[in-house]
C-alpha cells in the first residue's frame, strides 16, 4: 500500500511558493493560508527567495481567482493546477504598508484581490466575560450569498462579469478610504485608485 508523503491538510502557514504549490498538489488543490504573524509570508511573496528580487506570487494570483496555474522545473518536474486559496494573514501595519506600496503587487492585481485593512491602535479592552456572536439572520444571509455565488460560478459557461455602478462605488468608497486611513497619504491614493478600477 502506497504511503503518503505527508499528512493531508487544509491549512498552511509560513511556506515558500514552491512548498505551497507542492501542498496544493497533494491536497486537492485547495488550501487556506493562515498566519497570525504574516510578516515572513509577505516577504516571501515580495521576492525574498527569488534570485531576481522580483515578487513571487503567481500561484496566489491564480489561487485567489481559481484560475489555471502551471510550472515546469528541472528538479520539481511539471505541475498543472487550478488552485483555490483563501488567505487570512495578520500582520503589523508597517508590513501591510510594504505589501500595498509594492508596485508589482499593485500593477499585477495581488493587492486588488485582497481585502486589506488596518485596525487602529488604541487601548485593548479586557475580556468582560460576555459572549458575543454574529446574529443568526446575519450569518444565514451571508451563507446564502456565498452559496449563491459559488453555484453561479460552477454553473457558468462563460466568465461572470460584475460591473460596479457609480452608486455602488459611492457607497463603498468611504469604507475604502477609512480602512486605509492609518497608512501614509500616497498609499491612500493608490489604494483608492486600485479599488475604483475594479
Protein backbone atom coordinates (compact mmCIF):
# COMPACT_ATOMS: atom_id res chain seq x y z
CA UNK A 1 0.00 0.00 0.00
CA UNK A 2 1.41 3.36 -1.00
CA UNK A 3 2.44 5.62 1.87
CA UNK A 4 1.54 9.30 1.96
CA UNK A 5 4.50 11.67 1.73
CA UNK A 6 2.83 13.88 4.32
CA UNK A 7 -0.33 14.18 6.40
CA UNK A 8 -3.29 15.66 4.45
CA UNK A 9 -4.00 19.24 5.45
CA UNK A 10 -6.33 22.14 4.80
CA UNK A 11 -4.24 24.86 6.49
CA UNK A 12 -0.78 26.11 5.66
CA UNK A 13 1.21 28.86 7.32
CA UNK A 14 4.76 30.02 6.62
CA UNK A 15 5.67 28.40 3.30
CA UNK A 16 7.68 29.26 0.23
CA UNK A 17 5.84 29.43 -3.06
CA UNK A 18 7.35 26.07 -4.09
CA UNK A 19 6.17 24.44 -0.84
CA UNK A 20 2.70 25.97 -1.28
CA UNK A 21 2.46 24.61 -4.83
CA UNK A 22 3.51 21.16 -3.65
CA UNK A 23 0.98 21.21 -0.80
CA UNK A 24 -1.80 22.28 -3.17
CA UNK A 25 -0.99 19.39 -5.50
CA UNK A 26 -1.19 16.93 -2.57
CA UNK A 27 -4.37 18.33 -1.01
CA UNK A 28 -6.97 18.54 -3.74
CA UNK A 29 -5.68 21.94 -4.94
CA UNK A 30 -7.50 23.70 -2.07
CA UNK A 31 -5.81 25.30 0.95
CA UNK A 32 -6.20 28.11 3.44
CA UNK A 33 -3.10 30.17 4.10
CA UNK A 34 -3.48 31.18 7.74
CA UNK A 35 -0.89 33.14 9.70
CA UNK A 36 -1.29 35.13 12.93
CA UNK A 37 2.03 36.84 12.13
CA UNK A 38 2.40 37.04 8.36
CA UNK A 39 5.48 39.25 8.14
CA UNK A 40 7.59 36.41 6.75
CA UNK A 41 4.86 35.40 4.28
CA UNK A 42 4.69 38.95 2.93
CA UNK A 43 8.49 38.92 2.48
CA UNK A 44 8.19 35.62 0.58
CA UNK A 45 5.56 36.91 -1.85
CA UNK A 46 7.57 40.10 -2.36
CA UNK A 47 10.54 38.04 -3.53
CA UNK A 48 12.69 37.07 -0.53
CA UNK A 49 13.70 33.77 -2.16
CA UNK A 50 13.57 34.98 -5.76
CA UNK A 51 17.07 35.36 -7.18
CA UNK A 52 15.95 38.22 -9.39
CA UNK A 53 14.40 40.02 -6.42
CA UNK A 54 11.02 40.30 -8.13
CA UNK A 55 7.74 39.38 -6.47
CA UNK A 56 6.81 35.71 -6.28
CA UNK A 57 3.03 35.45 -6.03
CA UNK A 58 1.92 33.86 -9.31
CA UNK A 59 0.37 30.84 -7.56
CA UNK A 60 -1.50 33.20 -5.20
CA UNK A 61 -2.88 35.20 -8.15
CA UNK A 62 -4.20 32.01 -9.71
CA UNK A 63 -5.39 30.58 -6.40
CA UNK A 64 -7.31 33.69 -5.35
CA UNK A 65 -9.11 33.71 -8.73
CA UNK A 66 -9.31 29.90 -9.09
CA UNK A 67 -7.55 30.01 -12.46
CA UNK A 68 -5.18 27.55 -14.09
CA UNK A 69 -1.57 27.61 -12.89
CA UNK A 70 1.36 25.67 -14.27
CA UNK A 71 5.08 25.46 -13.77
CA UNK A 72 7.80 23.22 -15.12
CA UNK A 73 11.10 22.87 -13.26
CA UNK A 74 14.02 20.51 -13.80
CA UNK A 75 14.13 19.40 -10.17
CA UNK A 76 10.42 19.54 -9.23
CA UNK A 77 9.06 18.44 -12.60
CA UNK A 78 5.80 19.53 -14.16
CA UNK A 79 2.88 20.89 -12.10
CA UNK A 80 -0.51 21.78 -13.53
CA UNK A 81 -3.14 23.07 -11.10
CA UNK A 82 -6.37 25.01 -10.81
CA UNK A 83 -5.81 26.06 -7.21
CA UNK A 84 -8.24 27.63 -4.79
CA UNK A 85 -6.56 29.57 -1.97
CA UNK A 86 -8.06 31.51 0.90
CA UNK A 87 -5.83 33.94 2.80
CA UNK A 88 -6.10 35.17 6.36
CA UNK A 89 -2.89 37.00 7.18
CA UNK A 90 -2.47 39.12 10.28
CA UNK A 91 0.50 41.47 10.36
CA UNK A 92 1.76 44.77 11.67
CA UNK A 93 0.73 47.94 9.78
CA UNK A 94 4.32 48.50 8.60
CA UNK A 95 4.29 45.07 6.90
CA UNK A 96 0.94 45.80 5.24
CA UNK A 97 2.36 49.14 4.08
CA UNK A 98 5.26 47.29 2.38
CA UNK A 99 2.81 44.99 0.60
CA UNK A 100 0.35 47.67 -0.51
CA UNK A 101 3.16 50.01 -1.51
CA UNK A 102 4.85 47.41 -3.73
CA UNK A 103 4.44 48.49 -7.34
CA UNK A 104 4.38 44.96 -8.75
CA UNK A 105 1.76 43.83 -6.19
CA UNK A 106 -0.39 46.77 -7.24
CA UNK A 107 0.00 46.51 -11.00
CA UNK A 108 -0.39 42.72 -11.20
CA UNK A 109 -3.50 42.64 -9.06
CA UNK A 110 -2.35 40.98 -5.83
CA UNK A 111 -3.43 43.94 -3.69
CA UNK A 112 -6.75 44.21 -5.53
CA UNK A 113 -7.55 40.54 -4.84
CA UNK A 114 -7.26 41.02 -1.07
CA UNK A 115 -9.37 42.92 1.43
CA UNK A 116 -6.68 44.84 3.29
CA UNK A 117 -7.48 46.83 6.41
CA UNK A 118 -5.80 48.32 9.45
CA UNK A 119 -7.20 48.12 12.96
CA UNK A 120 -6.46 51.47 14.67
CA UNK A 121 -4.06 51.12 17.57
CA UNK A 122 -5.65 52.05 20.87
CA UNK A 123 -6.46 50.69 24.28
CA UNK A 124 -7.25 46.99 24.11
CA UNK A 125 -10.22 46.25 26.40
CA UNK A 126 -10.04 43.43 28.87
CA UNK A 127 -12.27 40.40 28.37
CA UNK A 128 -15.52 41.23 30.17
CA UNK A 129 -16.73 37.64 30.03
CA UNK A 130 -19.66 38.41 27.74
CA UNK A 131 -20.08 36.02 24.82
CA UNK A 132 -20.68 37.88 21.56
CA UNK A 133 -21.95 36.13 18.44
CA UNK A 134 -22.97 37.16 14.96
CA UNK A 135 -26.81 37.24 14.91
CA UNK A 136 -28.28 34.20 13.16
CA UNK A 137 -30.16 36.20 10.47
CA UNK A 138 -26.89 37.90 9.53
CA UNK A 139 -24.81 34.77 9.17
CA UNK A 140 -27.64 32.94 7.36
CA UNK A 141 -27.88 35.79 4.84
CA UNK A 142 -24.10 35.77 4.38
CA UNK A 143 -24.08 31.96 3.98
CA UNK A 144 -26.81 32.23 1.36
CA UNK A 145 -24.91 34.91 -0.55
CA UNK A 146 -21.67 32.90 -0.62
CA UNK A 147 -23.56 29.74 -1.64
CA UNK A 148 -25.34 31.58 -4.48
CA UNK A 149 -22.04 32.98 -5.76
CA UNK A 150 -20.38 29.54 -5.74
CA UNK A 151 -23.35 27.96 -7.55
CA UNK A 152 -23.34 30.72 -10.17
CA UNK A 153 -19.61 30.25 -10.70
CA UNK A 154 -19.89 26.48 -11.02
CA UNK A 155 -22.77 26.65 -13.49
CA UNK A 156 -21.36 29.45 -15.64
CA UNK A 157 -20.46 28.58 -19.22
CA UNK A 158 -18.52 31.83 -19.63
CA UNK A 159 -16.86 34.30 -17.23
CA UNK A 160 -19.21 36.19 -14.93
CA UNK A 161 -18.79 39.94 -15.25
CA UNK A 162 -19.67 42.07 -12.25
CA UNK A 163 -20.00 45.77 -13.08
CA UNK A 164 -19.77 48.27 -10.26
CA UNK A 165 -22.20 51.11 -10.86
CA UNK A 166 -21.31 54.67 -9.77
CA UNK A 167 -23.90 54.35 -6.99
CA UNK A 168 -22.32 51.13 -5.72
CA UNK A 169 -18.85 52.61 -5.77
CA UNK A 170 -20.06 55.74 -3.97
CA UNK A 171 -21.34 53.54 -1.12
CA UNK A 172 -18.06 51.59 -0.89
CA UNK A 173 -15.62 54.49 -1.29
CA UNK A 174 -15.96 55.89 2.27
CA UNK A 175 -15.24 52.42 3.67
CA UNK A 176 -12.19 52.03 1.40
CA UNK A 177 -10.84 55.41 2.44
CA UNK A 178 -11.42 54.75 6.14
CA UNK A 179 -9.74 51.35 6.16
CA UNK A 180 -6.54 52.75 4.68
CA UNK A 181 -6.52 55.95 6.73
CA UNK A 182 -3.77 54.70 9.02
CA UNK A 183 -1.40 54.39 6.07
CA UNK A 184 0.60 57.26 4.51
CA UNK A 185 -1.39 59.54 2.23
CA UNK A 186 0.34 58.47 -1.05
CA UNK A 187 -0.67 54.90 -0.24
CA UNK A 188 -4.24 56.01 0.43
CA UNK A 189 -4.46 57.49 -3.04
CA UNK A 190 -3.03 54.36 -4.69
CA UNK A 191 -5.40 52.08 -2.78
CA UNK A 192 -8.44 54.19 -3.63
CA UNK A 193 -7.43 54.28 -7.29
CA UNK A 194 -6.98 50.49 -7.37
CA UNK A 195 -10.35 49.82 -5.75
CA UNK A 196 -12.12 52.27 -8.02
CA UNK A 197 -10.96 50.39 -11.08
CA UNK A 198 -12.45 47.04 -10.07
